[in-house]
Amino acid sequence: MAELGKVKLALVQFGGELCESVEPIERNVAHACELIAEAGAKGADLVVFPELFNTGYQLNVIGPHINELTEPEDGPSVTALRKAAAEAGVYVVAGIALFHGLTGVPFNSSVVIDRQGNLIATYDKQHLWALERFYFRGGDDSLVFQTDFGKVGVMICYDMGFPEVARTLTLRGADLIVCPSAWCAEDMDVWHINAPCRALENSVFLAAVNRYGEEQGLVMPGHTLVCNPRGGIIDELQEPGEAILYAEIDLGDVEKNRVTSPYLRDRRPELYEDVLL
């Protein structure tokens, strides 16, 4: 178990099969559980998977089948991840399509599982990209969850392009923000701007975890990375392929950096009211 503030991240740059039916989901999740076991054996505290890791992302393919591919919170994918997290003694954040709340309405979600295998929270992507709005309902709340090493916020992919999302997570106490993603090759210049900016302007650690692979013309090149509270990229998977990025960080550095770079202290919210409407 990590000391308070110190955490070893295992950021899984997952490939997996693109799914037109439920059969490949089981294989994807079984492989993910193997990677959770591997990460736990290497001392990881928090294991993070990309957006829609168990189905693949290409909405031209999964979209017409989304109701078949989406699971409830007690479905087979979450159940398997809970078992793997408990056996490995790690926290898990994983992006999957979920039914909850409104029956029959899919959400592009991330589940949060603790070291004992409990499903402790879910987060629904707030900002839907392109075709997503035809298949998913957008979320309307932010998520910061407590761990034994500190507070972690969750956003998903396109959410990272909206400064308000990361700022809200920060103001709710997050010292680390994780961002499961399915970010395409042609927008990697934006990836390498958004992640450092969100970390710097909020003085937080930020871990952006991308898919890897080609899905019927949609290329997701990985480049999973971790930024420190000064916006510096402290580690990144540069080589193509499925891989796990291990990164050890100390969340105590957040408060130290907020003394030397006091963006949060020097905010003047009374000046921003008209632009937040």
C-alpha atoms as a PDB file:
ATOM      1  CA  MET A   1       0.000   0.000   0.000  1.00  0.00           C
ATOM      2  CA  ALA A   2       1.296   3.470  -0.886  1.00  0.00           C
ATOM      3  CA  GLU A   3       2.347   5.974   1.748  1.00  0.00           C
ATOM      4  CA  LEU A   4       0.029   8.959   1.989  1.00  0.00           C
ATOM      5  CA  GLY A   5       0.801  11.091  -1.043  1.00  0.00           C
ATOM      6  CA  LYS A   6       3.028   8.564  -2.786  1.00  0.00           C
ATOM      7  CA  VAL A   7       1.551   6.458  -5.557  1.00  0.00           C
ATOM      8  CA  LYS A   8       2.755   4.138  -8.300  1.00  0.00           C
ATOM      9  CA  LEU A   9       0.621   4.503 -11.403  1.00  0.00           C
ATOM     10  CA  ALA A  10       0.148   1.770 -13.991  1.00  0.00           C
ATOM     11  CA  LEU A  11      -1.260   3.403 -17.125  1.00  0.00           C
ATOM     12  CA  VAL A  12      -2.386   0.724 -19.557  1.00  0.00           C
ATOM     13  CA  GLN A  13      -2.069   1.726 -23.213  1.00  0.00           C
ATOM     14  CA  PHE A  14      -4.576  -0.936 -24.168  1.00  0.00           C
ATOM     15  CA  GLY A  15      -5.147  -2.294 -27.663  1.00  0.00           C
ATOM     16  CA  GLY A  16      -7.783  -5.004 -27.658  1.00  0.00           C
ATOM     17  CA  GLU A  17     -10.321  -6.148 -30.222  1.00  0.00           C
ATOM     18  CA  LEU A  18     -12.933  -3.917 -31.826  1.00  0.00           C
ATOM     19  CA  CYS A  19     -16.338  -5.384 -31.000  1.00  0.00           C
ATOM     20  CA  GLU A  20     -19.430  -5.784 -33.154  1.00  0.00           C
ATOM     21  CA  SER A  21     -20.812  -8.390 -30.729  1.00  0.00           C
ATOM     22  CA  VAL A  22     -20.380  -9.244 -27.054  1.00  0.00           C
ATOM     23  CA  GLU A  23     -18.092 -12.228 -27.661  1.00  0.00           C
ATOM     24  CA  PRO A  24     -14.803 -10.272 -28.023  1.00  0.00           C
ATOM     25  CA  ILE A  25     -15.587  -8.234 -24.895  1.00  0.00           C
ATOM     26  CA  GLU A  26     -14.885 -11.255 -22.731  1.00  0.00           C
ATOM     27  CA  ARG A  27     -11.450 -11.677 -24.333  1.00  0.00           C
ATOM     28  CA  ASN A  28     -10.638  -7.983 -23.922  1.00  0.00           C
ATOM     29  CA  VAL A  29     -11.622  -8.023 -20.262  1.00  0.00           C
ATOM     30  CA  ALA A  30      -9.733 -11.264 -19.575  1.00  0.00           C
ATOM     31  CA  HIS A  31      -6.603  -9.663 -21.040  1.00  0.00           C
ATOM     32  CA  ALA A  32      -7.185  -6.544 -18.944  1.00  0.00           C
ATOM     33  CA  CYS A  33      -7.411  -8.682 -15.814  1.00  0.00           C
ATOM     34  CA  GLU A  34      -4.057 -10.255 -16.687  1.00  0.00           C
ATOM     35  CA  LEU A  35      -2.563  -6.763 -16.955  1.00  0.00           C
ATOM     36  CA  ILE A  36      -4.066  -5.774 -13.597  1.00  0.00           C
ATOM     37  CA  ALA A  37      -2.398  -8.814 -12.029  1.00  0.00           C
ATOM     38  CA  GLU A  38       0.906  -7.870 -13.662  1.00  0.00           C
ATOM     39  CA  ALA A  39       0.641  -4.281 -12.437  1.00  0.00           C
ATOM     40  CA  GLY A  40      -0.209  -5.403  -8.919  1.00  0.00           C
ATOM     41  CA  ALA A  41       2.781  -7.738  -8.869  1.00  0.00           C
ATOM     42  CA  LYS A  42       4.984  -4.778  -9.806  1.00  0.00           C
ATOM     43  CA  GLY A  43       3.714  -2.702  -6.896  1.00  0.00           C
ATOM     44  CA  ALA A  44       1.185  -0.494  -8.642  1.00  0.00           C
ATOM     45  CA  ASP A  45      -1.409   1.327  -6.564  1.00  0.00           C
ATOM     46  CA  LEU A  46      -3.661   2.643  -9.335  1.00  0.00           C
ATOM     47  CA  VAL A  47      -4.274   0.979 -12.717  1.00  0.00           C
ATOM     48  CA  VAL A  48      -5.952   3.048 -15.430  1.00  0.00           C
ATOM     49  CA  PHE A  49      -7.397   1.808 -18.747  1.00  0.00           C
ATOM     50  CA  PRO A  50      -8.471   3.930 -21.744  1.00  0.00           C
ATOM     51  CA  GLU A  51     -11.903   5.058 -22.857  1.00  0.00           C
ATOM     52  CA  LEU A  52     -14.253   2.225 -23.934  1.00  0.00           C
ATOM     53  CA  PHE A  53     -11.385  -0.212 -23.470  1.00  0.00           C
ATOM     54  CA  ASN A  54     -13.531  -3.355 -23.509  1.00  0.00           C
ATOM     55  CA  THR A  55     -15.342  -2.686 -26.805  1.00  0.00           C
ATOM     56  CA  GLY A  56     -13.000  -0.525 -28.823  1.00  0.00           C
ATOM     57  CA  TYR A  57     -13.914   3.017 -29.781  1.00  0.00           C
ATOM     58  CA  GLN A  58     -14.675   3.238 -33.536  1.00  0.00           C
ATOM     59  CA  LEU A  59     -18.291   4.391 -33.382  1.00  0.00           C
ATOM     60  CA  ASN A  60     -18.934   3.589 -37.026  1.00  0.00           C
ATOM     61  CA  VAL A  61     -18.595  -0.034 -35.894  1.00  0.00           C
ATOM     62  CA  ILE A  62     -19.732  -0.189 -32.263  1.00  0.00           C
ATOM     63  CA  GLY A  63     -22.366   2.541 -32.525  1.00  0.00           C
ATOM     64  CA  PRO A  64     -25.075   0.494 -34.270  1.00  0.00           C
ATOM     65  CA  HIS A  65     -24.551  -2.247 -31.647  1.00  0.00           C
ATOM     66  CA  ILE A  66     -24.135   0.010 -28.614  1.00  0.00           C
ATOM     67  CA  ASN A  67     -27.198  -1.199 -26.717  1.00  0.00           C
ATOM     68  CA  GLU A  68     -25.988  -4.780 -27.037  1.00  0.00           C
ATOM     69  CA  LEU A  69     -22.430  -3.863 -25.993  1.00  0.00           C
ATOM     70  CA  THR A  70     -23.371  -1.651 -23.039  1.00  0.00           C
ATOM     71  CA  GLU A  71     -23.521  -3.300 -19.609  1.00  0.00           C
ATOM     72  CA  PRO A  72     -25.072  -2.453 -16.235  1.00  0.00           C
ATOM     73  CA  GLU A  73     -22.823  -1.684 -13.289  1.00  0.00           C
ATOM     74  CA  ASP A  74     -23.106  -5.300 -12.112  1.00  0.00           C
ATOM     75  CA  GLY A  75     -22.429  -6.697 -15.590  1.00  0.00           C
ATOM     76  CA  PRO A  76     -19.687  -9.175 -16.517  1.00  0.00           C
ATOM     77  CA  SER A  77     -16.991  -6.617 -17.348  1.00  0.00           C
ATOM     78  CA  VAL A  78     -17.248  -4.721 -14.064  1.00  0.00           C
ATOM     79  CA  THR A  79     -17.590  -7.964 -12.110  1.00  0.00           C
ATOM     80  CA  ALA A  80     -14.371  -9.333 -13.623  1.00  0.00           C
ATOM     81  CA  LEU A  81     -12.507  -6.068 -13.026  1.00  0.00           C
ATOM     82  CA  ARG A  82     -13.652  -6.007  -9.407  1.00  0.00           C
ATOM     83  CA  LYS A  83     -12.316  -9.521  -8.850  1.00  0.00           C
ATOM     84  CA  ALA A  84      -8.992  -8.672 -10.498  1.00  0.00           C
ATOM     85  CA  ALA A  85      -8.603  -5.462  -8.476  1.00  0.00           C
ATOM     86  CA  ALA A  86      -9.231  -7.309  -5.203  1.00  0.00           C
ATOM     87  CA  GLU A  87      -6.775 -10.084  -6.065  1.00  0.00           C
ATOM     88  CA  ALA A  88      -4.075  -7.579  -7.071  1.00  0.00           C
ATOM     89  CA  GLY A  89      -4.806  -5.130  -4.237  1.00  0.00           C
ATOM     90  CA  VAL A  90      -5.027  -2.111  -6.560  1.00  0.00           C
ATOM     91  CA  TYR A  91      -7.417   0.664  -7.464  1.00  0.00           C
ATOM     92  CA  VAL A  92      -8.740   0.455 -11.037  1.00  0.00           C
ATOM     93  CA  VAL A  93     -10.200   3.136 -13.299  1.00  0.00           C
ATOM     94  CA  ALA A  94     -11.528   1.753 -16.587  1.00  0.00           C
ATOM     95  CA  GLY A  95     -13.564   3.237 -19.418  1.00  0.00           C
ATOM     96  CA  ILE A  96     -16.632   1.252 -20.501  1.00  0.00           C
ATOM     97  CA  ALA A  97     -20.149   1.910 -21.804  1.00  0.00           C
ATOM     98  CA  LEU A  98     -22.631   1.691 -18.923  1.00  0.00           C
ATOM     99  CA  PHE A  99     -26.348   1.547 -18.327  1.00  0.00           C
ATOM    100  CA  HIS A 100     -27.333   3.173 -15.038  1.00  0.00           C
ATOM    101  CA  GLY A 101     -29.911   5.590 -13.767  1.00  0.00           C
ATOM    102  CA  LEU A 102     -32.017   5.861 -16.901  1.00  0.00           C
ATOM    103  CA  THR A 103     -32.840   2.367 -18.115  1.00  0.00           C
ATOM    104  CA  GLY A 104     -31.727   1.701 -21.662  1.00  0.00           C
ATOM    105  CA  VAL A 105     -29.676   4.893 -22.078  1.00  0.00           C
ATOM    106  CA  PRO A 106     -25.933   4.257 -22.563  1.00  0.00           C
ATOM    107  CA  PHE A 107     -23.280   6.479 -20.999  1.00  0.00           C
ATOM    108  CA  ASN A 108     -19.623   6.708 -21.996  1.00  0.00           C
ATOM    109  CA  SER A 109     -18.338   6.049 -18.503  1.00  0.00           C
ATOM    110  CA  SER A 110     -15.411   5.150 -16.302  1.00  0.00           C
ATOM    111  CA  VAL A 111     -15.769   2.845 -13.317  1.00  0.00           C
ATOM    112  CA  VAL A 112     -13.706   3.249 -10.155  1.00  0.00           C
ATOM    113  CA  ILE A 113     -12.880   0.140  -8.123  1.00  0.00           C
ATOM    114  CA  ASP A 114     -10.979   0.081  -4.838  1.00  0.00           C
ATOM    115  CA  ARG A 115      -8.328  -2.318  -3.543  1.00  0.00           C
ATOM    116  CA  GLN A 116     -10.989  -4.564  -1.978  1.00  0.00           C
ATOM    117  CA  GLY A 117     -12.856  -4.911  -5.271  1.00  0.00           C
ATOM    118  CA  ASN A 118     -15.699  -2.556  -4.397  1.00  0.00           C
ATOM    119  CA  LEU A 119     -17.227  -0.431  -7.143  1.00  0.00           C
ATOM    120  CA  ILE A 120     -16.976   2.909  -5.376  1.00  0.00           C
ATOM    121  CA  ALA A 121     -17.946   5.348  -8.139  1.00  0.00           C
ATOM    122  CA  THR A 122     -18.727   5.882 -11.797  1.00  0.00           C
ATOM    123  CA  TYR A 123     -18.119   8.918 -13.983  1.00  0.00           C
ATOM    124  CA  ASP A 124     -20.027   9.760 -17.175  1.00  0.00           C
ATOM    125  CA  LYS A 125     -18.243  11.721 -19.888  1.00  0.00           C
ATOM    126  CA  GLN A 126     -19.610  15.260 -19.877  1.00  0.00           C
ATOM    127  CA  HIS A 127     -18.527  16.515 -23.305  1.00  0.00           C
ATOM    128  CA  LEU A 128     -19.461  14.181 -26.141  1.00  0.00           C
ATOM    129  CA  TRP A 129     -17.290  14.194 -29.248  1.00  0.00           C
ATOM    130  CA  ALA A 130     -18.753  13.982 -32.776  1.00  0.00           C
ATOM    131  CA  LEU A 131     -20.763  10.747 -33.210  1.00  0.00           C
ATOM    132  CA  GLU A 132     -20.831  10.077 -29.466  1.00  0.00           C
ATOM    133  CA  ARG A 133     -23.832  12.355 -29.081  1.00  0.00           C
ATOM    134  CA  PHE A 134     -25.911  10.015 -31.241  1.00  0.00           C
ATOM    135  CA  TYR A 135     -25.181   6.989 -29.047  1.00  0.00           C
ATOM    136  CA  PHE A 136     -24.540   8.280 -25.509  1.00  0.00           C
ATOM    137  CA  ARG A 137     -26.127  10.576 -22.981  1.00  0.00           C
ATOM    138  CA  GLY A 138     -23.754  13.187 -21.554  1.00  0.00           C
ATOM    139  CA  GLY A 139     -22.916  13.193 -17.860  1.00  0.00           C
ATOM    140  CA  ASP A 140     -23.730  16.138 -15.624  1.00  0.00           C
ATOM    141  CA  ASP A 141     -21.525  15.729 -12.553  1.00  0.00           C
ATOM    142  CA  SER A 142     -17.831  15.632 -11.709  1.00  0.00           C
ATOM    143  CA  LEU A 143     -16.055  12.875  -9.807  1.00  0.00           C
ATOM    144  CA  VAL A 144     -13.302  13.093  -7.204  1.00  0.00           C
ATOM    145  CA  PHE A 145     -12.728   9.952  -5.163  1.00  0.00           C
ATOM    146  CA  GLN A 146     -10.724   9.342  -1.999  1.00  0.00           C
ATOM    147  CA  THR A 147      -7.904   6.781  -1.926  1.00  0.00           C
ATOM    148  CA  ASP A 148      -5.417   5.779   0.742  1.00  0.00           C
ATOM    149  CA  PHE A 149      -2.799   7.958  -0.980  1.00  0.00           C
ATOM    150  CA  GLY A 150      -4.885  11.054  -1.835  1.00  0.00           C
ATOM    151  CA  LYS A 151      -7.766  12.388  -3.920  1.00  0.00           C
ATOM    152  CA  VAL A 152      -8.153  11.532  -7.596  1.00  0.00           C
ATOM    153  CA  GLY A 153     -10.381  13.173 -10.196  1.00  0.00           C
ATOM    154  CA  VAL A 154     -11.630  11.574 -13.418  1.00  0.00           C
ATOM    155  CA  MET A 155     -12.389  13.031 -16.823  1.00  0.00           C
ATOM    156  CA  ILE A 156     -12.645  11.303 -20.208  1.00  0.00           C
ATOM    157  CA  CYS A 157     -10.873  12.240 -23.462  1.00  0.00           C
ATOM    158  CA  TYR A 158     -12.647  15.301 -24.987  1.00  0.00           C
ATOM    159  CA  ASP A 159     -13.352  16.576 -21.447  1.00  0.00           C
ATOM    160  CA  MET A 160      -9.646  17.430 -21.283  1.00  0.00           C
ATOM    161  CA  GLY A 161     -10.156  20.175 -23.874  1.00  0.00           C
ATOM    162  CA  PHE A 162     -12.435  22.114 -21.515  1.00  0.00           C
ATOM    163  CA  PRO A 163     -10.485  23.910 -18.754  1.00  0.00           C
ATOM    164  CA  GLU A 164     -13.604  24.048 -16.572  1.00  0.00           C
ATOM    165  CA  VAL A 165     -13.601  20.266 -16.107  1.00  0.00           C
ATOM    166  CA  ALA A 166     -10.104  19.997 -14.651  1.00  0.00           C
ATOM    167  CA  ARG A 167     -10.610  23.195 -12.632  1.00  0.00           C
ATOM    168  CA  THR A 168     -13.796  21.796 -11.085  1.00  0.00           C
ATOM    169  CA  LEU A 169     -11.999  18.581 -10.144  1.00  0.00           C
ATOM    170  CA  THR A 170      -9.178  20.598  -8.616  1.00  0.00           C
ATOM    171  CA  LEU A 171     -11.533  22.801  -6.601  1.00  0.00           C
ATOM    172  CA  ARG A 172     -13.188  19.618  -5.315  1.00  0.00           C
ATOM    173  CA  GLY A 173      -9.849  18.483  -3.946  1.00  0.00           C
ATOM    174  CA  ALA A 174      -8.147  16.420  -6.651  1.00  0.00           C
ATOM    175  CA  ASP A 175      -4.344  16.290  -6.538  1.00  0.00           C
ATOM    176  CA  LEU A 176      -4.204  13.796  -9.409  1.00  0.00           C
ATOM    177  CA  ILE A 177      -6.495  13.775 -12.448  1.00  0.00           C
ATOM    178  CA  VAL A 178      -6.716  10.716 -14.700  1.00  0.00           C
ATOM    179  CA  CYS A 179      -8.050  10.927 -18.235  1.00  0.00           C
ATOM    180  CA  PRO A 180      -8.968   7.658 -20.000  1.00  0.00           C
ATOM    181  CA  SER A 181      -8.967   8.471 -23.717  1.00  0.00           C
ATOM    182  CA  ALA A 182      -9.375   7.290 -27.296  1.00  0.00           C
ATOM    183  CA  TRP A 183      -7.434  10.142 -28.910  1.00  0.00           C
ATOM    184  CA  CYS A 184      -6.843  10.006 -32.666  1.00  0.00           C
ATOM    185  CA  ALA A 185      -3.538  10.434 -34.483  1.00  0.00           C
ATOM    186  CA  GLU A 186      -4.450  13.641 -36.320  1.00  0.00           C
ATOM    187  CA  ASP A 187      -5.113  15.430 -33.024  1.00  0.00           C
ATOM    188  CA  MET A 188      -1.954  14.458 -31.152  1.00  0.00           C
ATOM    189  CA  ASP A 189      -0.705  18.049 -31.318  1.00  0.00           C
ATOM    190  CA  VAL A 190      -3.733  18.990 -29.199  1.00  0.00           C
ATOM    191  CA  TRP A 191      -3.077  16.039 -26.852  1.00  0.00           C
ATOM    192  CA  HIS A 192       0.399  17.377 -26.130  1.00  0.00           C
ATOM    193  CA  ILE A 193      -0.999  20.853 -25.413  1.00  0.00           C
ATOM    194  CA  ASN A 194      -4.108  20.016 -23.397  1.00  0.00           C
ATOM    195  CA  ALA A 195      -2.561  17.611 -20.907  1.00  0.00           C
ATOM    196  CA  PRO A 196       0.334  19.864 -19.786  1.00  0.00           C
ATOM    197  CA  CYS A 197      -1.929  22.931 -19.709  1.00  0.00           C
ATOM    198  CA  ARG A 198      -4.560  21.279 -17.499  1.00  0.00           C
ATOM    199  CA  ALA A 199      -1.803  20.142 -15.121  1.00  0.00           C
ATOM    200  CA  LEU A 200      -0.063  23.524 -14.979  1.00  0.00           C
ATOM    201  CA  GLU A 201      -3.078  25.790 -14.556  1.00  0.00           C
ATOM    202  CA  ASN A 202      -4.392  23.626 -11.701  1.00  0.00           C
ATOM    203  CA  SER A 203      -1.073  22.600 -10.131  1.00  0.00           C
ATOM    204  CA  VAL A 204      -2.026  18.916 -10.270  1.00  0.00           C
ATOM    205  CA  PHE A 205      -0.559  15.705 -11.602  1.00  0.00           C
ATOM    206  CA  LEU A 206      -2.361  14.581 -14.730  1.00  0.00           C
ATOM    207  CA  ALA A 207      -2.249  11.101 -16.270  1.00  0.00           C
ATOM    208  CA  ALA A 208      -3.687  10.864 -19.793  1.00  0.00           C
ATOM    209  CA  VAL A 209      -4.125   7.233 -20.868  1.00  0.00           C
ATOM    210  CA  ASN A 210      -4.715   6.623 -24.565  1.00  0.00           C
ATOM    211  CA  ARG A 211      -5.805   3.614 -26.610  1.00  0.00           C
ATOM    212  CA  TYR A 212      -3.431   2.069 -29.100  1.00  0.00           C
ATOM    213  CA  GLY A 213      -4.294   0.595 -32.470  1.00  0.00           C
ATOM    214  CA  GLU A 214      -6.086   1.024 -35.780  1.00  0.00           C
ATOM    215  CA  GLU A 215      -9.842   0.500 -35.873  1.00  0.00           C
ATOM    216  CA  GLN A 216     -11.156   0.497 -39.438  1.00  0.00           C
ATOM    217  CA  GLY A 217      -9.446   3.724 -40.423  1.00  0.00           C
ATOM    218  CA  LEU A 218      -9.348   5.315 -36.964  1.00  0.00           C
ATOM    219  CA  VAL A 219      -5.747   5.404 -35.722  1.00  0.00           C
ATOM    220  CA  MET A 220      -5.071   5.894 -32.020  1.00  0.00           C
ATOM    221  CA  PRO A 221      -1.297   6.083 -31.535  1.00  0.00           C
ATOM    222  CA  GLY A 222      -0.986   5.887 -27.767  1.00  0.00           C
ATOM    223  CA  HIS A 223       1.441   8.432 -26.318  1.00  0.00           C
ATOM    224  CA  THR A 224       0.104   7.792 -22.826  1.00  0.00           C
ATOM    225  CA  LEU A 225       1.768  10.338 -20.549  1.00  0.00           C
ATOM    226  CA  VAL A 226       2.060  11.840 -17.066  1.00  0.00           C
ATOM    227  CA  CYS A 227       2.427  15.557 -16.345  1.00  0.00           C
ATOM    228  CA  ASN A 228       3.632  17.121 -13.115  1.00  0.00           C
ATOM    229  CA  PRO A 229       2.056  20.175 -11.422  1.00  0.00           C
ATOM    230  CA  ARG A 230       4.307  22.512 -13.441  1.00  0.00           C
ATOM    231  CA  GLY A 231       2.964  21.093 -16.698  1.00  0.00           C
ATOM    232  CA  GLY A 232       6.108  19.147 -17.480  1.00  0.00           C
ATOM    233  CA  ILE A 233       5.744  15.752 -19.146  1.00  0.00           C
ATOM    234  CA  ILE A 234       7.635  13.518 -16.742  1.00  0.00           C
ATOM    235  CA  ASP A 235       7.101  10.264 -18.662  1.00  0.00           C
ATOM    236  CA  GLU A 236       5.495   9.160 -21.930  1.00  0.00           C
ATOM    237  CA  LEU A 237       5.188   5.982 -23.973  1.00  0.00           C
ATOM    238  CA  GLN A 238       6.952   6.988 -27.174  1.00  0.00           C
ATOM    239  CA  GLU A 239       7.146   3.613 -28.889  1.00  0.00           C
ATOM    240  CA  PRO A 240       4.065   2.271 -30.706  1.00  0.00           C
ATOM    241  CA  GLY A 241       2.253  -0.704 -29.246  1.00  0.00           C
ATOM    242  CA  GLU A 242       0.271  -1.880 -26.267  1.00  0.00           C
ATOM    243  CA  ALA A 243       2.252  -1.252 -23.090  1.00  0.00           C
ATOM    244  CA  ILE A 244       2.008  -0.198 -19.455  1.00  0.00           C
ATOM    245  CA  LEU A 245       3.544   3.093 -18.365  1.00  0.00           C
ATOM    246  CA  TYR A 246       4.651   2.866 -14.743  1.00  0.00           C
ATOM    247  CA  ALA A 247       5.179   6.189 -12.991  1.00  0.00           C
ATOM    248  CA  GLU A 248       5.889   6.932  -9.351  1.00  0.00           C
ATOM    249  CA  ILE A 249       4.690  10.314  -8.132  1.00  0.00           C
ATOM    250  CA  ASP A 250       4.395  12.108  -4.791  1.00  0.00           C
ATOM    251  CA  LEU A 251       1.158  14.058  -4.401  1.00  0.00           C
ATOM    252  CA  GLY A 252       2.900  16.083  -1.701  1.00  0.00           C
ATOM    253  CA  ASP A 253       4.546  17.942  -4.578  1.00  0.00           C
ATOM    254  CA  VAL A 254       1.172  19.482  -5.397  1.00  0.00           C
ATOM    255  CA  GLU A 255       1.031  21.645  -2.272  1.00  0.00           C
ATOM    256  CA  LYS A 256       4.704  22.566  -2.609  1.00  0.00           C
ATOM    257  CA  ASN A 257       4.126  23.738  -6.172  1.00  0.00           C
ATOM    258  CA  ARG A 258       1.032  25.727  -5.218  1.00  0.00           C
ATOM    259  CA  VAL A 259       3.286  27.832  -2.988  1.00  0.00           C
ATOM    260  CA  THR A 260       5.754  28.638  -5.770  1.00  0.00           C
ATOM    261  CA  SER A 261       3.139  28.866  -8.564  1.00  0.00           C
ATOM    262  CA  PRO A 262       0.048  30.158  -6.737  1.00  0.00           C
ATOM    263  CA  TYR A 263      -2.474  30.166  -9.593  1.00  0.00           C
ATOM    264  CA  LEU A 264      -5.259  28.859  -7.382  1.00  0.00           C
ATOM    265  CA  ARG A 265      -4.533  31.294  -4.561  1.00  0.00           C
ATOM    266  CA  ASP A 266      -4.478  34.275  -6.908  1.00  0.00           C
ATOM    267  CA  ARG A 267      -7.694  33.477  -8.767  1.00  0.00           C
ATOM    268  CA  ARG A 268     -10.355  36.217  -8.746  1.00  0.00           C
ATOM    269  CA  PRO A 269     -13.649  34.350  -9.340  1.00  0.00           C
ATOM    270  CA  GLU A 270     -15.682  37.549  -9.054  1.00  0.00           C
ATOM    271  CA  LEU A 271     -14.180  38.666 -12.379  1.00  0.00           C
ATOM    272  CA  TYR A 272     -15.167  35.519 -14.262  1.00  0.00           C
ATOM    273  CA  GLU A 273     -18.891  35.262 -13.552  1.00  0.00           C
ATOM    274  CA  ASP A 274     -20.028  36.558 -16.955  1.00  0.00           C
ATOM    275  CA  VAL A 275     -17.776  34.194 -18.941  1.00  0.00           C
ATOM    276  CA  LEU A 276     -18.881  31.125 -16.971  1.00  0.00           C
ATOM    277  CA  LEU A 277     -22.472  31.386 -18.163  1.00  0.00           C
END
